[in-house]
PDB file of N, CA and C in Angstrom:
ATOM      1  N   MET A   1     150.822 153.903 108.877  1.00  0.00           N
ATOM      2  CA  MET A   1     151.219 153.494 110.086  1.00  0.00           C
ATOM      3  C   MET A   1     150.596 154.359 110.224  1.00  0.00           C
ATOM      4  N   ILE A   2     149.566 154.499 111.698  1.00  0.00           N
ATOM      5  CA  ILE A   2     149.315 155.926 112.479  1.00  0.00           C
ATOM      6  C   ILE A   2     149.833 155.624 114.024  1.00  0.00           C
ATOM      7  N   LEU A   3     150.409 156.619 114.431  1.00  0.00           N
ATOM      8  CA  LEU A   3     150.663 156.343 115.882  1.00  0.00           C
ATOM      9  C   LEU A   3     149.827 157.264 116.129  1.00  0.00           C
ATOM     10  N   ARG A   4     149.446 157.097 117.509  1.00  0.00           N
ATOM     11  CA  ARG A   4     148.513 158.089 119.164  1.00  0.00           C
ATOM     12  C   ARG A   4     149.354 157.936 119.831  1.00  0.00           C
ATOM     13  N   LEU A   5     149.159 160.233 119.395  1.00  0.00           N
ATOM     14  CA  LEU A   5     150.116 160.340 121.048  1.00  0.00           C
ATOM     15  C   LEU A   5     149.095 160.807 121.971  1.00  0.00           C
ATOM     16  N   SER A   6     149.687 161.290 123.235  1.00  0.00           N
ATOM     17  CA  SER A   6     148.310 162.365 124.064  1.00  0.00           C
ATOM     18  C   SER A   6     149.213 161.996 125.223  1.00  0.00           C
ATOM     19  N   GLY A   7     148.361 162.938 126.046  1.00  0.00           N
ATOM     20  CA  GLY A   7     149.639 163.486 127.256  1.00  0.00           C
ATOM     21  C   GLY A   7     150.489 165.267 126.953  1.00  0.00           C
ATOM     22  N   SER A   8     151.196 164.727 127.466  1.00  0.00           N
ATOM     23  CA  SER A   8     152.674 166.196 126.943  1.00  0.00           C
ATOM     24  C   SER A   8     154.104 165.316 126.165  1.00  0.00           C
ATOM     25  N   LEU A   9     153.792 166.451 125.314  1.00  0.00           N
ATOM     26  CA  LEU A   9     155.695 166.286 124.399  1.00  0.00           C
ATOM     27  C   LEU A   9     156.228 167.128 124.816  1.00  0.00           C
ATOM     28  N   ASP A  10     157.443 166.845 125.730  1.00  0.00           N
ATOM     29  CA  ASP A  10     157.813 167.789 126.397  1.00  0.00           C
ATOM     30  C   ASP A  10     159.656 167.076 126.798  1.00  0.00           C
ATOM     31  N   VAL A  11     160.289 167.836 126.615  1.00  0.00           N
ATOM     32  CA  VAL A  11     161.610 167.320 127.556  1.00  0.00           C
ATOM     33  C   VAL A  11     161.967 166.178 128.036  1.00  0.00           C
ATOM     34  N   ALA A  12     160.371 165.671 129.170  1.00  0.00           N
ATOM     35  CA  ALA A  12     160.689 164.693 129.480  1.00  0.00           C
ATOM     36  C   ALA A  12     159.698 163.544 128.495  1.00  0.00           C
ATOM     37  N   THR A  13     159.164 163.952 128.172  1.00  0.00           N
ATOM     38  CA  THR A  13     158.864 162.654 127.285  1.00  0.00           C
ATOM     39  C   THR A  13     159.235 162.210 126.244  1.00  0.00           C
ATOM     40  N   THR A  14     159.754 163.157 125.102  1.00  0.00           N
ATOM     41  CA  THR A  14     160.145 163.314 124.043  1.00  0.00           C
ATOM     42  C   THR A  14     160.893 161.866 123.265  1.00  0.00           C
ATOM     43  N   ARG A  15     161.767 161.559 124.510  1.00  0.00           N
ATOM     44  CA  ARG A  15     163.293 160.942 124.042  1.00  0.00           C
ATOM     45  C   ARG A  15     162.040 159.446 123.360  1.00  0.00           C
ATOM     46  N   LEU A  16     161.303 159.090 124.431  1.00  0.00           N
ATOM     47  CA  LEU A  16     160.667 157.595 124.432  1.00  0.00           C
ATOM     48  C   LEU A  16     160.067 157.343 123.004  1.00  0.00           C
ATOM     49  N   MET A  17     159.613 159.102 122.319  1.00  0.00           N
ATOM     50  CA  MET A  17     158.702 159.625 120.685  1.00  0.00           C
ATOM     51  C   MET A  17     159.657 159.684 119.750  1.00  0.00           C
ATOM     52  N   LYS A  18     160.890 159.983 120.236  1.00  0.00           N
ATOM     53  CA  LYS A  18     162.171 159.701 119.314  1.00  0.00           C
ATOM     54  C   LYS A  18     162.137 158.690 119.095  1.00  0.00           C
ATOM     55  N   GLU A  19     162.148 157.109 119.909  1.00  0.00           N
ATOM     56  CA  GLU A  19     163.049 156.418 120.111  1.00  0.00           C
ATOM     57  C   GLU A  19     162.083 155.448 118.994  1.00  0.00           C
ATOM     58  N   THR A  20     161.130 155.819 119.214  1.00  0.00           N
ATOM     59  CA  THR A  20     159.159 154.737 118.618  1.00  0.00           C
ATOM     60  C   THR A  20     159.564 155.107 117.076  1.00  0.00           C
ATOM     61  N   LEU A  21     159.642 156.713 116.731  1.00  0.00           N
ATOM     62  CA  LEU A  21     159.733 157.373 115.357  1.00  0.00           C
ATOM     63  C   LEU A  21     161.191 157.226 114.222  1.00  0.00           C
ATOM     64  N   ALA A  22     162.360 156.609 115.258  1.00  0.00           N
ATOM     65  CA  ALA A  22     163.430 156.258 114.269  1.00  0.00           C
ATOM     66  C   ALA A  22     162.800 154.847 114.326  1.00  0.00           C
ATOM     67  N   GLU A  23     162.706 154.242 115.734  1.00  0.00           N
ATOM     68  CA  GLU A  23     161.842 152.663 114.837  1.00  0.00           C
ATOM     69  C   GLU A  23     161.984 152.342 113.846  1.00  0.00           C
ATOM     70  N   LEU A  24     160.324 152.868 113.568  1.00  0.00           N
ATOM     71  CA  LEU A  24     159.563 153.504 112.465  1.00  0.00           C
ATOM     72  C   LEU A  24     160.119 153.490 111.361  1.00  0.00           C
ATOM     73  N   SER A  25     160.671 154.392 110.963  1.00  0.00           N
ATOM     74  CA  SER A  25     161.730 155.143 110.119  1.00  0.00           C
ATOM     75  C   SER A  25     162.868 154.178 109.622  1.00  0.00           C
ATOM     76  N   THR A  26     162.809 152.838 109.976  1.00  0.00           N
ATOM     77  CA  THR A  26     164.399 151.548 110.007  1.00  0.00           C
ATOM     78  C   THR A  26     163.644 151.139 109.244  1.00  0.00           C
ATOM     79  N   GLY A  27     162.015 150.604 109.494  1.00  0.00           N
ATOM     80  CA  GLY A  27     161.535 149.687 108.365  1.00  0.00           C
ATOM     81  C   GLY A  27     160.758 150.268 107.176  1.00  0.00           C
ATOM     82  N   LYS A  28     159.610 149.515 107.233  1.00  0.00           N
ATOM     83  CA  LYS A  28     158.938 149.851 105.514  1.00  0.00           C
ATOM     84  C   LYS A  28     158.240 150.648 106.327  1.00  0.00           C
ATOM     85  N   HIS A  29     158.226 151.359 106.909  1.00  0.00           N
ATOM     86  CA  HIS A  29     156.819 152.347 107.808  1.00  0.00           C
ATOM     87  C   HIS A  29     157.686 154.450 107.167  1.00  0.00           C
ATOM     88  N   HIS A  30     157.507 154.388 105.928  1.00  0.00           N
ATOM     89  CA  HIS A  30     158.244 155.642 106.128  1.00  0.00           C
ATOM     90  C   HIS A  30     156.697 156.814 105.248  1.00  0.00           C
ATOM     91  N   ASP A  31     155.518 155.856 105.556  1.00  0.00           N
ATOM     92  CA  ASP A  31     154.717 157.120 105.624  1.00  0.00           C
ATOM     93  C   ASP A  31     154.152 156.702 106.422  1.00  0.00           C
ATOM     94  N   LEU A  32     153.510 157.590 107.089  1.00  0.00           N
ATOM     95  CA  LEU A  32     153.909 157.757 108.553  1.00  0.00           C
ATOM     96  C   LEU A  32     151.861 159.278 108.976  1.00  0.00           C
ATOM     97  N   ILE A  33     151.157 158.821 110.007  1.00  0.00           N
ATOM     98  CA  ILE A  33     150.078 159.765 110.101  1.00  0.00           C
ATOM     99  C   ILE A  33     150.289 159.867 111.568  1.00  0.00           C
ATOM    100  N   ILE A  34     150.878 161.004 112.669  1.00  0.00           N
ATOM    101  CA  ILE A  34     150.761 161.001 113.815  1.00  0.00           C
ATOM    102  C   ILE A  34     149.512 161.810 113.938  1.00  0.00           C
ATOM    103  N   ASP A  35     148.713 161.273 115.163  1.00  0.00           N
ATOM    104  CA  ASP A  35     147.690 161.354 115.569  1.00  0.00           C
ATOM    105  C   ASP A  35     148.033 162.423 117.086  1.00  0.00           C
ATOM    106  N   LEU A  36     147.699 163.484 116.636  1.00  0.00           N
ATOM    107  CA  LEU A  36     148.311 164.571 117.795  1.00  0.00           C
ATOM    108  C   LEU A  36     146.824 164.873 119.176  1.00  0.00           C
ATOM    109  N   THR A  37     145.925 164.577 118.274  1.00  0.00           N
ATOM    110  CA  THR A  37     144.810 164.809 119.003  1.00  0.00           C
ATOM    111  C   THR A  37     144.446 164.986 120.708  1.00  0.00           C
ATOM    112  N   GLN A  38     145.047 163.927 120.877  1.00  0.00           N
ATOM    113  CA  GLN A  38     145.442 163.796 122.127  1.00  0.00           C
ATOM    114  C   GLN A  38     146.078 164.349 123.665  1.00  0.00           C
ATOM    115  N   VAL A  39     147.100 165.080 122.668  1.00  0.00           N
ATOM    116  CA  VAL A  39     148.067 166.165 123.269  1.00  0.00           C
ATOM    117  C   VAL A  39     147.509 167.214 123.449  1.00  0.00           C
ATOM    118  N   GLU A  40     148.118 167.181 125.242  1.00  0.00           N
ATOM    119  CA  GLU A  40     148.073 168.065 126.062  1.00  0.00           C
ATOM    120  C   GLU A  40     148.808 169.283 125.624  1.00  0.00           C
ATOM    121  N   PHE A  41     149.967 169.479 125.849  1.00  0.00           N
ATOM    122  CA  PHE A  41     151.403 170.248 125.523  1.00  0.00           C
ATOM    123  C   PHE A  41     152.439 169.709 125.083  1.00  0.00           C
ATOM    124  N   LEU A  42     153.126 170.592 124.087  1.00  0.00           N
ATOM    125  CA  LEU A  42     154.337 169.795 123.294  1.00  0.00           C
ATOM    126  C   LEU A  42     154.809 171.017 122.987  1.00  0.00           C
ATOM    127  N   ASP A  43     156.505 171.026 123.373  1.00  0.00           N
ATOM    128  CA  ASP A  43     156.869 172.132 123.175  1.00  0.00           C
ATOM    129  C   ASP A  43     158.305 171.704 122.564  1.00  0.00           C
ATOM    130  N   SER A  44     159.488 172.768 122.184  1.00  0.00           N
ATOM    131  CA  SER A  44     160.008 172.882 121.395  1.00  0.00           C
ATOM    132  C   SER A  44     161.284 171.438 121.239  1.00  0.00           C
ATOM    133  N   THR A  45     161.385 170.505 121.909  1.00  0.00           N
ATOM    134  CA  THR A  45     161.863 169.129 122.175  1.00  0.00           C
ATOM    135  C   THR A  45     160.972 168.252 121.070  1.00  0.00           C
ATOM    136  N   GLY A  46     159.239 168.458 121.487  1.00  0.00           N
ATOM    137  CA  GLY A  46     158.184 167.871 120.660  1.00  0.00           C
ATOM    138  C   GLY A  46     158.751 167.988 119.588  1.00  0.00           C
ATOM    139  N   LEU A  47     157.987 169.117 119.212  1.00  0.00           N
ATOM    140  CA  LEU A  47     158.901 169.816 117.761  1.00  0.00           C
ATOM    141  C   LEU A  47     159.648 169.423 116.609  1.00  0.00           C
ATOM    142  N   GLY A  48     160.470 169.526 117.658  1.00  0.00           N
ATOM    143  CA  GLY A  48     162.145 168.774 116.937  1.00  0.00           C
ATOM    144  C   GLY A  48     161.764 167.793 116.616  1.00  0.00           C
ATOM    145  N   ALA A  49     161.483 166.527 117.532  1.00  0.00           N
ATOM    146  CA  ALA A  49     161.172 165.109 117.213  1.00  0.00           C
ATOM    147  C   ALA A  49     160.130 164.300 115.739  1.00  0.00           C
ATOM    148  N   LEU A  50     159.077 165.491 116.090  1.00  0.00           N
ATOM    149  CA  LEU A  50     158.260 165.630 115.042  1.00  0.00           C
ATOM    150  C   LEU A  50     158.636 165.901 113.260  1.00  0.00           C
ATOM    151  N   VAL A  51     160.216 167.064 113.668  1.00  0.00           N
ATOM    152  CA  VAL A  51     160.581 167.594 112.036  1.00  0.00           C
ATOM    153  C   VAL A  51     161.548 166.991 111.675  1.00  0.00           C
ATOM    154  N   GLY A  52     162.480 166.351 112.678  1.00  0.00           N
ATOM    155  CA  GLY A  52     163.409 164.799 112.767  1.00  0.00           C
ATOM    156  C   GLY A  52     163.099 163.622 112.118  1.00  0.00           C
ATOM    157  N   ALA A  53     161.394 163.317 112.259  1.00  0.00           N
ATOM    158  CA  ALA A  53     160.361 162.406 112.028  1.00  0.00           C
ATOM    159  C   ALA A  53     160.306 162.321 110.294  1.00  0.00           C
ATOM    160  N   TYR A  54     160.398 164.106 110.013  1.00  0.00           N
ATOM    161  CA  TYR A  54     159.662 164.046 108.728  1.00  0.00           C
ATOM    162  C   TYR A  54     161.105 164.565 107.482  1.00  0.00           C
ATOM    163  N   ARG A  55     162.027 165.043 108.364  1.00  0.00           N
ATOM    164  CA  ARG A  55     162.925 164.522 107.457  1.00  0.00           C
ATOM    165  C   ARG A  55     163.486 163.451 106.770  1.00  0.00           C
ATOM    166  N   ARG A  56     163.505 162.170 107.500  1.00  0.00           N
ATOM    167  CA  ARG A  56     163.493 160.834 107.844  1.00  0.00           C
ATOM    168  C   ARG A  56     162.515 160.028 106.904  1.00  0.00           C
ATOM    169  N   ALA A  57     161.634 160.526 107.227  1.00  0.00           N
ATOM    170  CA  ALA A  57     159.852 159.772 106.047  1.00  0.00           C
ATOM    171  C   ALA A  57     161.023 160.964 105.002  1.00  0.00           C
ATOM    172  N   ALA A  58     161.018 162.107 104.360  1.00  0.00           N
ATOM    173  CA  ALA A  58     160.902 162.932 103.218  1.00  0.00           C
ATOM    174  C   ALA A  58     162.735 161.943 102.534  1.00  0.00           C
ATOM    175  N   GLU A  59     163.553 161.610 103.056  1.00  0.00           N
ATOM    176  CA  GLU A  59     164.562 161.034 102.423  1.00  0.00           C
ATOM    177  C   GLU A  59     163.958 159.433 102.243  1.00  0.00           C
ATOM    178  N   ALA A  60     163.224 158.833 102.963  1.00  0.00           N
ATOM    179  CA  ALA A  60     162.930 157.287 102.223  1.00  0.00           C
ATOM    180  C   ALA A  60     161.807 157.998 101.227  1.00  0.00           C
ATOM    181  N   GLY A  61     161.868 158.888 100.725  1.00  0.00           N
ATOM    182  CA  GLY A  61     160.443 158.692 100.053  1.00  0.00           C
ATOM    183  C   GLY A  61     158.965 158.985 100.924  1.00  0.00           C
ATOM    184  N   GLY A  62     159.169 159.153 101.550  1.00  0.00           N
ATOM    185  CA  GLY A  62     157.572 158.985 102.741  1.00  0.00           C
ATOM    186  C   GLY A  62     156.714 160.308 103.083  1.00  0.00           C
ATOM    187  N   ARG A  63     156.108 160.166 103.778  1.00  0.00           N
ATOM    188  CA  ARG A  63     156.297 161.517 104.649  1.00  0.00           C
ATOM    189  C   ARG A  63     155.248 161.193 105.688  1.00  0.00           C
ATOM    190  N   VAL A  64     155.377 162.465 106.461  1.00  0.00           N
ATOM    191  CA  VAL A  64     154.776 162.046 107.792  1.00  0.00           C
ATOM    192  C   VAL A  64     153.260 163.367 107.335  1.00  0.00           C
ATOM    193  N   GLU A  65     152.473 162.902 108.075  1.00  0.00           N
ATOM    194  CA  GLU A  65     151.468 163.422 107.940  1.00  0.00           C
ATOM    195  C   GLU A  65     150.716 164.088 109.833  1.00  0.00           C
ATOM    196  N   LEU A  66     149.966 164.831 110.050  1.00  0.00           N
ATOM    197  CA  LEU A  66     148.942 165.169 111.181  1.00  0.00           C
ATOM    198  C   LEU A  66     148.153 164.890 111.612  1.00  0.00           C
ATOM    199  N   VAL A  67     147.320 164.831 112.214  1.00  0.00           N
ATOM    200  CA  VAL A  67     146.667 164.841 112.844  1.00  0.00           C
ATOM    201  C   VAL A  67     146.021 166.023 114.198  1.00  0.00           C
ATOM    202  N   VAL A  68     146.018 167.261 114.209  1.00  0.00           N
ATOM    203  CA  VAL A  68     145.693 168.170 115.243  1.00  0.00           C
ATOM    204  C   VAL A  68     144.380 168.876 115.332  1.00  0.00           C
ATOM    205  N   SER A  69     143.693 168.854 117.022  1.00  0.00           N
ATOM    206  CA  SER A  69     142.612 169.563 117.073  1.00  0.00           C
ATOM    207  C   SER A  69     142.550 171.667 117.320  1.00  0.00           C
ATOM    208  N   ASP A  70     141.221 171.681 117.245  1.00  0.00           N
ATOM    209  CA  ASP A  70     141.939 173.520 117.253  1.00  0.00           C
ATOM    210  C   ASP A  70     141.905 173.114 118.576  1.00  0.00           C
ATOM    211  N   GLY A  71     142.687 173.935 118.778  1.00  0.00           N
ATOM    212  CA  GLY A  71     143.323 174.485 120.376  1.00  0.00           C
ATOM    213  C   GLY A  71     144.879 174.916 119.569  1.00  0.00           C
ATOM    214  N   PRO A  72     145.464 174.790 121.261  1.00  0.00           N
ATOM    215  CA  PRO A  72     147.126 176.000 122.081  1.00  0.00           C
ATOM    216  C   PRO A  72     147.467 175.109 120.359  1.00  0.00           C
ATOM    217  N   ILE A  73     147.988 173.771 120.359  1.00  0.00           N
ATOM    218  CA  ILE A  73     148.943 172.414 119.898  1.00  0.00           C
ATOM    219  C   ILE A  73     148.596 173.279 118.109  1.00  0.00           C
ATOM    220  N   ALA A  74     147.506 173.311 117.718  1.00  0.00           N
ATOM    221  CA  ALA A  74     147.211 173.996 116.109  1.00  0.00           C
ATOM    222  C   ALA A  74     148.140 175.063 116.344  1.00  0.00           C
ATOM    223  N   ARG A  75     147.557 176.336 116.922  1.00  0.00           N
ATOM    224  CA  ARG A  75     147.947 177.737 117.281  1.00  0.00           C
ATOM    225  C   ARG A  75     149.855 177.272 116.784  1.00  0.00           C
ATOM    226  N   LEU A  76     150.115 176.693 117.578  1.00  0.00           N
ATOM    227  CA  LEU A  76     151.702 176.333 117.685  1.00  0.00           C
ATOM    228  C   LEU A  76     152.367 176.096 116.121  1.00  0.00           C
ATOM    229  N   PHE A  77     151.328 174.876 115.610  1.00  0.00           N
ATOM    230  CA  PHE A  77     151.876 174.575 114.214  1.00  0.00           C
ATOM    231  C   PHE A  77     151.634 175.909 113.436  1.00  0.00           C
ATOM    232  N   ASN A  78     151.135 176.729 113.933  1.00  0.00           N
ATOM    233  CA  ASN A  78     150.383 178.161 113.312  1.00  0.00           C
ATOM    234  C   ASN A  78     151.851 178.933 113.362  1.00  0.00           C
ATOM    235  N   ILE A  79     151.905 178.917 114.449  1.00  0.00           N
ATOM    236  CA  ILE A  79     152.807 180.328 114.861  1.00  0.00           C
ATOM    237  C   ILE A  79     154.078 179.901 114.633  1.00  0.00           C
ATOM    238  N   THR A  80     154.423 178.952 114.452  1.00  0.00           N
ATOM    239  CA  THR A  80     155.905 178.602 114.816  1.00  0.00           C
ATOM    240  C   THR A  80     156.328 178.243 112.708  1.00  0.00           C
ATOM    241  N   GLY A  81     155.232 178.406 112.294  1.00  0.00           N
ATOM    242  CA  GLY A  81     154.942 177.834 110.937  1.00  0.00           C
ATOM    243  C   GLY A  81     155.162 177.102 109.915  1.00  0.00           C
ATOM    244  N   LEU A  82     155.183 175.733 110.880  1.00  0.00           N
ATOM    245  CA  LEU A  82     155.395 174.492 110.986  1.00  0.00           C
ATOM    246  C   LEU A  82     153.879 173.991 110.082  1.00  0.00           C
ATOM    247  N   CYS A  83     153.260 174.652 109.801  1.00  0.00           N
ATOM    248  CA  CYS A  83     151.666 174.446 109.217  1.00  0.00           C
ATOM    249  C   CYS A  83     152.297 174.396 107.361  1.00  0.00           C
ATOM    250  N   ARG A  84     153.113 175.369 107.191  1.00  0.00           N
ATOM    251  CA  ARG A  84     153.115 175.466 105.817  1.00  0.00           C
ATOM    252  C   ARG A  84     154.045 173.874 105.300  1.00  0.00           C
ATOM    253  N   VAL A  85     155.151 172.985 106.470  1.00  0.00           N
ATOM    254  CA  VAL A  85     155.647 171.815 106.633  1.00  0.00           C
ATOM    255  C   VAL A  85     155.130 170.776 106.404  1.00  0.00           C
ATOM    256  N   PHE A  86     154.326 170.572 107.258  1.00  0.00           N
ATOM    257  CA  PHE A  86     153.836 169.149 107.660  1.00  0.00           C
ATOM    258  C   PHE A  86     152.333 169.452 106.878  1.00  0.00           C
ATOM    259  N   THR A  87     151.310 168.785 106.515  1.00  0.00           N
ATOM    260  CA  THR A  87     150.107 168.427 106.281  1.00  0.00           C
ATOM    261  C   THR A  87     148.831 168.012 106.949  1.00  0.00           C
ATOM    262  N   ILE A  88     148.315 169.205 107.820  1.00  0.00           N
ATOM    263  CA  ILE A  88     147.561 169.258 108.659  1.00  0.00           C
ATOM    264  C   ILE A  88     146.155 168.870 108.409  1.00  0.00           C
ATOM    265  N   PHE A  89     145.691 168.196 109.320  1.00  0.00           N
ATOM    266  CA  PHE A  89     144.365 167.516 109.010  1.00  0.00           C
ATOM    267  C   PHE A  89     143.404 167.306 110.771  1.00  0.00           C
ATOM    268  N   GLY A  90     141.927 167.974 111.111  1.00  0.00           N
ATOM    269  CA  GLY A  90     141.230 167.901 111.696  1.00  0.00           C
ATOM    270  C   GLY A  90     141.364 166.776 112.153  1.00  0.00           C
ATOM    271  N   SER A  91     140.959 165.525 111.461  1.00  0.00           N
ATOM    272  CA  SER A  91     140.900 164.550 112.255  1.00  0.00           C
ATOM    273  C   SER A  91     141.398 163.145 111.564  1.00  0.00           C
ATOM    274  N   LEU A  92     141.702 161.942 112.050  1.00  0.00           N
ATOM    275  CA  LEU A  92     141.666 160.918 111.391  1.00  0.00           C
ATOM    276  C   LEU A  92     141.097 160.335 110.265  1.00  0.00           C
ATOM    277  N   GLY A  93     140.111 160.626 110.088  1.00  0.00           N
ATOM    278  CA  GLY A  93     139.086 160.635 109.346  1.00  0.00           C
ATOM    279  C   GLY A  93     139.368 161.072 107.510  1.00  0.00           C
ATOM    280  N   GLU A  94     139.655 162.541 108.043  1.00  0.00           N
ATOM    281  CA  GLU A  94     140.043 163.601 107.463  1.00  0.00           C
ATOM    282  C   GLU A  94     141.562 163.487 106.409  1.00  0.00           C
ATOM    283  N   ALA A  95     142.116 162.773 107.532  1.00  0.00           N
ATOM    284  CA  ALA A  95     144.063 162.553 106.960  1.00  0.00           C
ATOM    285  C   ALA A  95     143.675 161.364 106.356  1.00  0.00           C
ATOM    286  N   LEU A  96     142.982 159.962 106.830  1.00  0.00           N
ATOM    287  CA  LEU A  96     143.055 158.917 106.061  1.00  0.00           C
ATOM    288  C   LEU A  96     141.768 159.439 104.273  1.00  0.00           C
ATOM    289  N   GLU A  97     141.274 160.013 104.690  1.00  0.00           N
ATOM    290  CA  GLU A  97     140.782 160.084 103.386  1.00  0.00           C
ATOM    291  C   GLU A  97     141.557 161.382 102.510  1.00  0.00           C
ATOM    292  N   GLY A  98     142.283 162.075 103.056  1.00  0.00           N
ATOM    293  CA  GLY A  98     143.153 162.511 102.419  1.00  0.00           C
ATOM    294  C   GLY A  98     144.387 161.966 102.103  1.00  0.00           C
ATOM    295  N   ILE A  99     144.714 160.561 102.556  1.00  0.00           N
ATOM    296  CA  ILE A  99     146.135 160.438 101.451  1.00  0.00           C
ATOM    297  C   ILE A  99     145.702 159.208 100.725  1.00  0.00           C
ATOM    298  N   GLY A 100     143.954 159.133 100.365  1.00  0.00           N
ATOM    299  CA  GLY A 100     143.200 158.799  99.994  1.00  0.00           C
ATOM    300  C   GLY A 100     143.081 156.587 100.329  1.00  0.00           C
ATOM    301  N   ALA A 101     143.385 156.610 101.735  1.00  0.00           N
ATOM    302  CA  ALA A 101     143.231 155.420 101.925  1.00  0.00           C
ATOM    303  C   ALA A 101     141.206 155.165 102.652  1.00  0.00           C
ATOM    304  N   VAL A 102     140.523 155.536 101.976  1.00  0.00           N
ATOM    305  CA  VAL A 102     139.118 155.400 101.855  1.00  0.00           C
ATOM    306  C   VAL A 102     138.409 156.323 101.224  1.00  0.00           C
ATOM    307  N   GLN A 103     137.841 155.165 100.709  1.00  0.00           N
ATOM    308  CA  GLN A 103     137.979 155.984  99.391  1.00  0.00           C
ATOM    309  C   GLN A 103     135.409 156.167  99.863  1.00  0.00           C
TER     310      GLN A 103
END
């Protein structure tokens, strides 16, 4: 499953993302690629929602991988150390190739 996000992921918008991620995790979609290349701003509530999705997927034997462009969002993952938690790709094509979806 690929989830493409855009705009801001902050206290005002994260609730919808959390609901969507929770809904996806209750189904059969335990492997998820979240494309953040169009996200312009990400705060701690957005990071928390991503970590929550990661934990739910891991508990179900799945994984959450991220697509992040160079820039402020990538720096945020480096500063917080979350780059060591998530597998982060620079493009959707790299992510698909990295998980073996593209041969």
